[in-house]
Amino acid sequence: MQTDLWSQFGGLVAGAPRYLAHVFSHNADGTSNVQTLEGGTMRANGQLSQTPPYTAWIQDGRVVDAGPNLPLVALEV
Protein backbone atom coordinates (compact mmCIF):
# COMPACT_ATOMS: atom_id res chain seq x y z
CA MET A 1 0.00 0.00 0.00
CA GLN A 2 1.41 3.33 -1.05
CA THR A 3 0.62 6.48 0.96
CA ASP A 4 1.38 10.06 0.18
CA LEU A 5 1.61 11.68 3.59
CA TRP A 6 2.10 15.18 2.19
CA SER A 7 -1.19 15.10 0.26
CA GLN A 8 -2.98 13.69 3.32
CA PHE A 9 -1.57 16.53 5.41
CA GLY A 10 -2.58 19.05 2.74
CA GLY A 11 -6.15 17.77 2.95
CA LEU A 12 -6.23 18.75 6.62
CA VAL A 13 -4.98 22.30 6.25
CA ALA A 14 -6.04 23.27 2.74
CA GLY A 15 -8.96 25.49 1.94
CA ALA A 16 -10.09 29.00 2.55
CA PRO A 17 -11.24 30.05 6.00
CA ARG A 18 -14.93 29.91 6.77
CA TYR A 19 -16.55 32.75 8.70
CA LEU A 20 -19.97 33.63 10.02
CA ALA A 21 -21.95 36.55 8.57
CA HIS A 22 -25.48 37.95 8.62
CA VAL A 23 -27.30 37.78 5.28
CA PHE A 24 -29.53 40.86 5.14
CA SER A 25 -30.81 40.69 1.53
CA HIS A 26 -30.88 38.57 -1.63
CA ASN A 27 -30.20 40.00 -5.09
CA ALA A 28 -31.85 39.05 -8.39
CA ASP A 29 -28.51 37.85 -9.83
CA GLY A 30 -28.21 35.03 -7.27
CA THR A 31 -25.92 36.84 -4.84
CA SER A 32 -26.50 37.85 -1.22
CA ASN A 33 -25.57 41.00 0.68
CA VAL A 34 -23.87 40.02 3.92
CA GLN A 35 -22.48 41.81 6.94
CA THR A 36 -19.50 40.33 8.75
CA LEU A 37 -19.30 40.22 12.52
CA GLU A 38 -16.70 43.00 12.35
CA GLY A 39 -19.28 45.26 10.64
CA GLY A 40 -18.03 45.17 7.03
CA THR A 41 -20.44 44.47 4.19
CA MET A 42 -19.87 42.51 1.00
CA ARG A 43 -21.70 40.67 -1.76
CA ALA A 44 -21.35 36.89 -1.64
CA ASN A 45 -22.28 34.40 -4.37
CA GLY A 46 -25.20 32.12 -3.62
CA GLN A 47 -28.41 32.20 -1.65
CA LEU A 48 -30.06 29.87 0.80
CA SER A 49 -33.76 29.06 0.73
CA GLN A 50 -34.28 31.00 3.97
CA THR A 51 -35.76 34.48 4.06
CA PRO A 52 -33.31 37.20 5.18
CA PRO A 53 -32.17 38.15 7.73
CA TYR A 54 -30.36 34.97 8.74
CA THR A 55 -26.86 33.84 9.68
CA ALA A 56 -24.74 31.90 7.20
CA TRP A 57 -21.25 30.47 6.76
CA ILE A 58 -19.24 32.25 4.03
CA GLN A 59 -16.24 30.62 2.34
CA ASP A 60 -14.32 31.80 -0.73
CA GLY A 61 -16.82 34.63 -1.23
CA ARG A 62 -19.87 32.38 -1.40
CA VAL A 63 -22.66 31.34 0.95
CA VAL A 64 -22.06 27.69 1.85
CA ASP A 65 -24.41 26.77 4.68
CA ALA A 66 -26.81 28.12 7.29
CA GLY A 67 -25.19 29.27 10.49
CA PRO A 68 -26.37 29.08 14.08
CA ASN A 69 -28.98 31.60 15.15
CA LEU A 70 -27.34 32.54 18.44
CA PRO A 71 -26.71 35.91 20.10
CA LEU A 72 -23.25 37.38 19.50
CA VAL A 73 -21.14 38.24 22.53
CA ALA A 74 -17.83 40.01 21.99
CA LEU A 75 -15.31 40.15 24.82
CA GLU A 76 -11.99 41.93 24.89
CA VAL A 77 -9.23 40.65 27.08
PDB file of N, CA and C in Angstrom:
ATOM      1  N   MET A   1       0.837  -1.178   0.000  1.00  0.00           N
ATOM      2  CA  MET A   1       0.000   0.000   0.000  1.00  0.00           C
ATOM      3  C   MET A   1       0.882   1.241   0.000  1.00  0.00           C
ATOM      4  N   GLN A   2       0.602   2.126  -0.927  1.00  0.00           N
ATOM      5  CA  GLN A   2       1.410   3.334  -1.046  1.00  0.00           C
ATOM      6  C   GLN A   2       0.623   4.513  -0.473  1.00  0.00           C
ATOM      7  N   THR A   3       1.271   5.307   0.389  1.00  0.00           N
ATOM      8  CA  THR A   3       0.619   6.477   0.965  1.00  0.00           C
ATOM      9  C   THR A   3       1.430   7.719   0.663  1.00  0.00           C
ATOM     10  N   ASP A   4       0.743   8.773   0.402  1.00  0.00           N
ATOM     11  CA  ASP A   4       1.377  10.063   0.176  1.00  0.00           C
ATOM     12  C   ASP A   4       1.015  10.954   1.357  1.00  0.00           C
ATOM     13  N   LEU A   5       1.895  10.959   2.356  1.00  0.00           N
ATOM     14  CA  LEU A   5       1.608  11.683   3.594  1.00  0.00           C
ATOM     15  C   LEU A   5       1.447  13.180   3.368  1.00  0.00           C
ATOM     16  N   TRP A   6       2.186  13.735   2.430  1.00  0.00           N
ATOM     17  CA  TRP A   6       2.098  15.177   2.187  1.00  0.00           C
ATOM     18  C   TRP A   6       0.709  15.563   1.673  1.00  0.00           C
ATOM     19  N   SER A   7       0.143  14.775   0.757  1.00  0.00           N
ATOM     20  CA  SER A   7      -1.194  15.103   0.262  1.00  0.00           C
ATOM     21  C   SER A   7      -2.250  14.868   1.337  1.00  0.00           C
ATOM     22  N   GLN A   8      -2.050  13.889   2.209  1.00  0.00           N
ATOM     23  CA  GLN A   8      -2.981  13.687   3.318  1.00  0.00           C
ATOM     24  C   GLN A   8      -2.929  14.871   4.280  1.00  0.00           C
ATOM     25  N   PHE A   9      -1.725  15.361   4.556  1.00  0.00           N
ATOM     26  CA  PHE A   9      -1.574  16.533   5.413  1.00  0.00           C
ATOM     27  C   PHE A   9      -2.210  17.751   4.754  1.00  0.00           C
ATOM     28  N   GLY A  10      -1.996  17.918   3.456  1.00  0.00           N
ATOM     29  CA  GLY A  10      -2.583  19.046   2.735  1.00  0.00           C
ATOM     30  C   GLY A  10      -4.095  19.037   2.779  1.00  0.00           C
ATOM     31  N   GLY A  11      -4.701  17.870   2.832  1.00  0.00           N
ATOM     32  CA  GLY A  11      -6.149  17.773   2.951  1.00  0.00           C
ATOM     33  C   GLY A  11      -6.667  18.287   4.284  1.00  0.00           C
ATOM     34  N   LEU A  12      -5.828  18.253   5.301  1.00  0.00           N
ATOM     35  CA  LEU A  12      -6.227  18.746   6.617  1.00  0.00           C
ATOM     36  C   LEU A  12      -6.168  20.259   6.721  1.00  0.00           C
ATOM     37  N   VAL A  13      -5.187  20.875   6.075  1.00  0.00           N
ATOM     38  CA  VAL A  13      -4.977  22.304   6.249  1.00  0.00           C
ATOM     39  C   VAL A  13      -5.388  23.138   5.040  1.00  0.00           C
ATOM     40  N   ALA A  14      -5.718  22.527   3.939  1.00  0.00           N
ATOM     41  CA  ALA A  14      -6.038  23.274   2.736  1.00  0.00           C
ATOM     42  C   ALA A  14      -7.433  23.886   2.831  1.00  0.00           C
ATOM     43  N   GLY A  15      -7.636  24.878   2.010  1.00  0.00           N
ATOM     44  CA  GLY A  15      -8.955  25.486   1.940  1.00  0.00           C
ATOM     45  C   GLY A  15      -8.985  26.876   2.538  1.00  0.00           C
ATOM     46  N   ALA A  16      -9.916  27.639   2.057  1.00  0.00           N
ATOM     47  CA  ALA A  16     -10.085  29.002   2.545  1.00  0.00           C
ATOM     48  C   ALA A  16     -10.797  28.986   3.897  1.00  0.00           C
ATOM     49  N   PRO A  17     -10.551  29.999   4.710  1.00  0.00           N
ATOM     50  CA  PRO A  17     -11.239  30.050   6.001  1.00  0.00           C
ATOM     51  C   PRO A  17     -12.739  30.257   5.825  1.00  0.00           C
ATOM     52  N   ARG A  18     -13.480  29.779   6.769  1.00  0.00           N
ATOM     53  CA  ARG A  18     -14.934  29.910   6.774  1.00  0.00           C
ATOM     54  C   ARG A  18     -15.304  30.853   7.913  1.00  0.00           C
ATOM     55  N   TYR A  19     -16.161  31.826   7.646  1.00  0.00           N
ATOM     56  CA  TYR A  19     -16.554  32.746   8.703  1.00  0.00           C
ATOM     57  C   TYR A  19     -18.058  32.958   8.693  1.00  0.00           C
ATOM     58  N   LEU A  20     -18.554  33.430   9.807  1.00  0.00           N
ATOM     59  CA  LEU A  20     -19.974  33.633  10.024  1.00  0.00           C
ATOM     60  C   LEU A  20     -20.352  35.056   9.646  1.00  0.00           C
ATOM     61  N   ALA A  21     -21.479  35.224   8.965  1.00  0.00           N
ATOM     62  CA  ALA A  21     -21.952  36.555   8.574  1.00  0.00           C
ATOM     63  C   ALA A  21     -23.471  36.565   8.588  1.00  0.00           C
ATOM     64  N   HIS A  22     -24.030  37.768   8.654  1.00  0.00           N
ATOM     65  CA  HIS A  22     -25.485  37.947   8.621  1.00  0.00           C
ATOM     66  C   HIS A  22     -25.898  38.296   7.201  1.00  0.00           C
ATOM     67  N   VAL A  23     -26.761  37.493   6.609  1.00  0.00           N
ATOM     68  CA  VAL A  23     -27.298  37.779   5.281  1.00  0.00           C
ATOM     69  C   VAL A  23     -28.495  38.698   5.484  1.00  0.00           C
ATOM     70  N   PHE A  24     -28.426  39.920   4.921  1.00  0.00           N
ATOM     71  CA  PHE A  24     -29.530  40.856   5.137  1.00  0.00           C
ATOM     72  C   PHE A  24     -30.377  41.079   3.900  1.00  0.00           C
ATOM     73  N   SER A  25     -29.949  40.598   2.712  1.00  0.00           N
ATOM     74  CA  SER A  25     -30.810  40.686   1.527  1.00  0.00           C
ATOM     75  C   SER A  25     -30.300  39.757   0.432  1.00  0.00           C
ATOM     76  N   HIS A  26     -31.205  39.353  -0.441  1.00  0.00           N
ATOM     77  CA  HIS A  26     -30.881  38.569  -1.632  1.00  0.00           C
ATOM     78  C   HIS A  26     -30.999  39.474  -2.845  1.00  0.00           C
ATOM     79  N   ASN A  27     -30.173  39.235  -3.850  1.00  0.00           N
ATOM     80  CA  ASN A  27     -30.203  40.001  -5.092  1.00  0.00           C
ATOM     81  C   ASN A  27     -30.738  39.129  -6.224  1.00  0.00           C
ATOM     82  N   ALA A  28     -31.259  39.773  -7.265  1.00  0.00           N
ATOM     83  CA  ALA A  28     -31.854  39.051  -8.393  1.00  0.00           C
ATOM     84  C   ALA A  28     -30.834  38.227  -9.167  1.00  0.00           C
ATOM     85  N   ASP A  29     -29.543  38.574  -9.083  1.00  0.00           N
ATOM     86  CA  ASP A  29     -28.513  37.846  -9.831  1.00  0.00           C
ATOM     87  C   ASP A  29     -27.983  36.616  -9.101  1.00  0.00           C
ATOM     88  N   GLY A  30     -28.621  36.226  -7.991  1.00  0.00           N
ATOM     89  CA  GLY A  30     -28.205  35.029  -7.268  1.00  0.00           C
ATOM     90  C   GLY A  30     -27.168  35.268  -6.197  1.00  0.00           C
ATOM     91  N   THR A  31     -26.875  36.521  -5.899  1.00  0.00           N
ATOM     92  CA  THR A  31     -25.921  36.845  -4.843  1.00  0.00           C
ATOM     93  C   THR A  31     -26.670  37.297  -3.592  1.00  0.00           C
ATOM     94  N   SER A  32     -25.931  37.397  -2.499  1.00  0.00           N
ATOM     95  CA  SER A  32     -26.498  37.851  -1.222  1.00  0.00           C
ATOM     96  C   SER A  32     -25.646  38.968  -0.663  1.00  0.00           C
ATOM     97  N   ASN A  33     -26.282  39.941  -0.040  1.00  0.00           N
ATOM     98  CA  ASN A  33     -25.570  40.996   0.676  1.00  0.00           C
ATOM     99  C   ASN A  33     -25.403  40.536   2.109  1.00  0.00           C
ATOM    100  N   VAL A  34     -24.157  40.522   2.573  1.00  0.00           N
ATOM    101  CA  VAL A  34     -23.867  40.019   3.917  1.00  0.00           C
ATOM    102  C   VAL A  34     -23.093  41.052   4.716  1.00  0.00           C
ATOM    103  N   GLN A  35     -23.236  40.962   6.030  1.00  0.00           N
ATOM    104  CA  GLN A  35     -22.475  41.811   6.940  1.00  0.00           C
ATOM    105  C   GLN A  35     -21.673  40.912   7.858  1.00  0.00           C
ATOM    106  N   THR A  36     -20.372  41.130   7.899  1.00  0.00           N
ATOM    107  CA  THR A  36     -19.503  40.326   8.747  1.00  0.00           C
ATOM    108  C   THR A  36     -19.682  40.731  10.211  1.00  0.00           C
ATOM    109  N   LEU A  37     -19.185  39.915  11.102  1.00  0.00           N
ATOM    110  CA  LEU A  37     -19.303  40.218  12.524  1.00  0.00           C
ATOM    111  C   LEU A  37     -18.494  41.448  12.917  1.00  0.00           C
ATOM    112  N   GLU A  38     -17.493  41.799  12.093  1.00  0.00           N
ATOM    113  CA  GLU A  38     -16.701  42.999  12.347  1.00  0.00           C
ATOM    114  C   GLU A  38     -17.408  44.264  11.861  1.00  0.00           C
ATOM    115  N   GLY A  39     -18.502  44.110  11.107  1.00  0.00           N
ATOM    116  CA  GLY A  39     -19.277  45.260  10.643  1.00  0.00           C
ATOM    117  C   GLY A  39     -19.126  45.583   9.170  1.00  0.00           C
ATOM    118  N   GLY A  40     -18.212  44.926   8.465  1.00  0.00           N
ATOM    119  CA  GLY A  40     -18.033  45.170   7.034  1.00  0.00           C
ATOM    120  C   GLY A  40     -19.127  44.497   6.218  1.00  0.00           C
ATOM    121  N   THR A  41     -19.435  45.068   5.069  1.00  0.00           N
ATOM    122  CA  THR A  41     -20.442  44.472   4.193  1.00  0.00           C
ATOM    123  C   THR A  41     -19.790  44.029   2.889  1.00  0.00           C
ATOM    124  N   MET A  42     -20.371  43.013   2.270  1.00  0.00           N
ATOM    125  CA  MET A  42     -19.870  42.509   0.998  1.00  0.00           C
ATOM    126  C   MET A  42     -20.985  41.772   0.281  1.00  0.00           C
ATOM    127  N   ARG A  43     -20.772  41.471  -0.964  1.00  0.00           N
ATOM    128  CA  ARG A  43     -21.703  40.672  -1.758  1.00  0.00           C
ATOM    129  C   ARG A  43     -21.093  39.290  -1.926  1.00  0.00           C
ATOM    130  N   ALA A  44     -21.830  38.260  -1.540  1.00  0.00           N
ATOM    131  CA  ALA A  44     -21.354  36.887  -1.637  1.00  0.00           C
ATOM    132  C   ALA A  44     -22.186  36.136  -2.668  1.00  0.00           C
ATOM    133  N   ASN A  45     -21.567  35.225  -3.387  1.00  0.00           N
ATOM    134  CA  ASN A  45     -22.284  34.400  -4.365  1.00  0.00           C
ATOM    135  C   ASN A  45     -23.135  33.373  -3.641  1.00  0.00           C
ATOM    136  N   GLY A  46     -24.325  33.150  -4.159  1.00  0.00           N
ATOM    137  CA  GLY A  46     -25.203  32.120  -3.616  1.00  0.00           C
ATOM    138  C   GLY A  46     -26.258  32.666  -2.682  1.00  0.00           C
ATOM    139  N   GLN A  47     -27.304  31.887  -2.553  1.00  0.00           N
ATOM    140  CA  GLN A  47     -28.414  32.204  -1.654  1.00  0.00           C
ATOM    141  C   GLN A  47     -28.919  30.911  -1.035  1.00  0.00           C
ATOM    142  N   LEU A  48     -29.410  30.997   0.176  1.00  0.00           N
ATOM    143  CA  LEU A  48     -30.058  29.865   0.802  1.00  0.00           C
ATOM    144  C   LEU A  48     -31.564  30.040   0.660  1.00  0.00           C
ATOM    145  N   SER A  49     -32.313  28.992   0.912  1.00  0.00           N
ATOM    146  CA  SER A  49     -33.760  29.062   0.733  1.00  0.00           C
ATOM    147  C   SER A  49     -34.454  29.822   1.863  1.00  0.00           C
ATOM    148  N   GLN A  50     -33.704  30.250   2.850  1.00  0.00           N
ATOM    149  CA  GLN A  50     -34.277  31.002   3.967  1.00  0.00           C
ATOM    150  C   GLN A  50     -34.557  32.443   3.560  1.00  0.00           C
ATOM    151  N   THR A  51     -35.448  33.073   4.294  1.00  0.00           N
ATOM    152  CA  THR A  51     -35.758  34.479   4.061  1.00  0.00           C
ATOM    153  C   THR A  51     -34.863  35.340   4.940  1.00  0.00           C
ATOM    154  N   PRO A  52     -34.166  36.333   4.366  1.00  0.00           N
ATOM    155  CA  PRO A  52     -33.308  37.203   5.177  1.00  0.00           C
ATOM    156  C   PRO A  52     -34.132  37.983   6.198  1.00  0.00           C
ATOM    157  N   PRO A  53     -33.569  38.335   7.329  1.00  0.00           N
ATOM    158  CA  PRO A  53     -32.170  38.154   7.729  1.00  0.00           C
ATOM    159  C   PRO A  53     -31.946  36.782   8.373  1.00  0.00           C
ATOM    160  N   TYR A  54     -30.772  36.228   8.118  1.00  0.00           N
ATOM    161  CA  TYR A  54     -30.355  34.974   8.737  1.00  0.00           C
ATOM    162  C   TYR A  54     -28.837  34.942   8.788  1.00  0.00           C
ATOM    163  N   THR A  55     -28.305  33.997   9.538  1.00  0.00           N
ATOM    164  CA  THR A  55     -26.861  33.841   9.684  1.00  0.00           C
ATOM    165  C   THR A  55     -26.400  32.707   8.783  1.00  0.00           C
ATOM    166  N   ALA A  56     -25.247  32.917   8.118  1.00  0.00           N
ATOM    167  CA  ALA A  56     -24.737  31.900   7.198  1.00  0.00           C
ATOM    168  C   ALA A  56     -23.219  31.818   7.287  1.00  0.00           C
ATOM    169  N   TRP A  57     -22.702  30.666   6.882  1.00  0.00           N
ATOM    170  CA  TRP A  57     -21.254  30.472   6.757  1.00  0.00           C
ATOM    171  C   TRP A  57     -20.835  30.923   5.364  1.00  0.00           C
ATOM    172  N   ILE A  58     -19.779  31.736   5.284  1.00  0.00           N
ATOM    173  CA  ILE A  58     -19.244  32.251   4.032  1.00  0.00           C
ATOM    174  C   ILE A  58     -17.842  31.685   3.845  1.00  0.00           C
ATOM    175  N   GLN A  59     -17.566  31.151   2.655  1.00  0.00           N
ATOM    176  CA  GLN A  59     -16.239  30.618   2.345  1.00  0.00           C
ATOM    177  C   GLN A  59     -15.928  30.922   0.890  1.00  0.00           C
ATOM    178  N   ASP A  60     -14.745  31.441   0.626  1.00  0.00           N
ATOM    179  CA  ASP A  60     -14.317  31.800  -0.731  1.00  0.00           C
ATOM    180  C   ASP A  60     -15.295  32.754  -1.410  1.00  0.00           C
ATOM    181  N   GLY A  61     -15.911  33.647  -0.646  1.00  0.00           N
ATOM    182  CA  GLY A  61     -16.819  34.630  -1.229  1.00  0.00           C
ATOM    183  C   GLY A  61     -18.171  34.082  -1.632  1.00  0.00           C
ATOM    184  N   ARG A  62     -18.553  32.939  -1.064  1.00  0.00           N
ATOM    185  CA  ARG A  62     -19.870  32.381  -1.395  1.00  0.00           C
ATOM    186  C   ARG A  62     -20.546  31.850  -0.137  1.00  0.00           C
ATOM    187  N   VAL A  63     -21.867  31.844  -0.162  1.00  0.00           N
ATOM    188  CA  VAL A  63     -22.664  31.336   0.953  1.00  0.00           C
ATOM    189  C   VAL A  63     -22.658  29.816   0.862  1.00  0.00           C
ATOM    190  N   VAL A  64     -22.158  29.143   1.911  1.00  0.00           N
ATOM    191  CA  VAL A  64     -22.058  27.691   1.849  1.00  0.00           C
ATOM    192  C   VAL A  64     -23.093  26.952   2.677  1.00  0.00           C
ATOM    193  N   ASP A  65     -23.497  27.497   3.812  1.00  0.00           N
ATOM    194  CA  ASP A  65     -24.410  26.768   4.678  1.00  0.00           C
ATOM    195  C   ASP A  65     -25.040  27.730   5.679  1.00  0.00           C
ATOM    196  N   ALA A  66     -26.157  27.320   6.252  1.00  0.00           N
ATOM    197  CA  ALA A  66     -26.811  28.117   7.287  1.00  0.00           C
ATOM    198  C   ALA A  66     -25.975  28.071   8.565  1.00  0.00           C
ATOM    199  N   GLY A  67     -25.930  29.182   9.243  1.00  0.00           N
ATOM    200  CA  GLY A  67     -25.186  29.266  10.491  1.00  0.00           C
ATOM    201  C   GLY A  67     -26.114  29.204  11.685  1.00  0.00           C
ATOM    202  N   PRO A  68     -25.548  29.131  12.876  1.00  0.00           N
ATOM    203  CA  PRO A  68     -26.365  29.084  14.082  1.00  0.00           C
ATOM    204  C   PRO A  68     -27.043  30.425  14.325  1.00  0.00           C
ATOM    205  N   ASN A  69     -28.237  30.385  14.851  1.00  0.00           N
ATOM    206  CA  ASN A  69     -28.981  31.598  15.148  1.00  0.00           C
ATOM    207  C   ASN A  69     -28.849  31.894  16.640  1.00  0.00           C
ATOM    208  N   LEU A  70     -27.650  32.309  17.035  1.00  0.00           N
ATOM    209  CA  LEU A  70     -27.341  32.543  18.436  1.00  0.00           C
ATOM    210  C   LEU A  70     -26.965  33.999  18.632  1.00  0.00           C
ATOM    211  N   PRO A  71     -27.133  34.531  19.843  1.00  0.00           N
ATOM    212  CA  PRO A  71     -26.712  35.912  20.095  1.00  0.00           C
ATOM    213  C   PRO A  71     -25.186  36.016  20.064  1.00  0.00           C
ATOM    214  N   LEU A  72     -24.690  37.150  19.589  1.00  0.00           N
ATOM    215  CA  LEU A  72     -23.252  37.381  19.499  1.00  0.00           C
ATOM    216  C   LEU A  72     -22.793  38.112  20.750  1.00  0.00           C
ATOM    217  N   VAL A  73     -21.742  37.595  21.362  1.00  0.00           N
ATOM    218  CA  VAL A  73     -21.144  38.241  22.526  1.00  0.00           C
ATOM    219  C   VAL A  73     -19.679  38.444  22.201  1.00  0.00           C
ATOM    220  N   ALA A  74     -19.235  39.688  22.264  1.00  0.00           N
ATOM    221  CA  ALA A  74     -17.834  40.009  21.989  1.00  0.00           C
ATOM    222  C   ALA A  74     -17.167  40.456  23.291  1.00  0.00           C
ATOM    223  N   LEU A  75     -16.064  39.822  23.623  1.00  0.00           N
ATOM    224  CA  LEU A  75     -15.310  40.150  24.823  1.00  0.00           C
ATOM    225  C   LEU A  75     -13.907  40.539  24.438  1.00  0.00           C
ATOM    226  N   GLU A  76     -13.383  41.553  25.097  1.00  0.00           N
ATOM    227  CA  GLU A  76     -11.986  41.930  24.890  1.00  0.00           C
ATOM    228  C   GLU A  76     -11.215  41.605  26.146  1.00  0.00           C
ATOM    229  N   VAL A  77     -10.065  41.036  25.942  1.00  0.00           N
ATOM    230  CA  VAL A  77      -9.227  40.646  27.080  1.00  0.00           C
ATOM    231  C   VAL A  77      -7.996  41.524  27.095  1.00  0.00           C
TER     232      VAL A  77
END
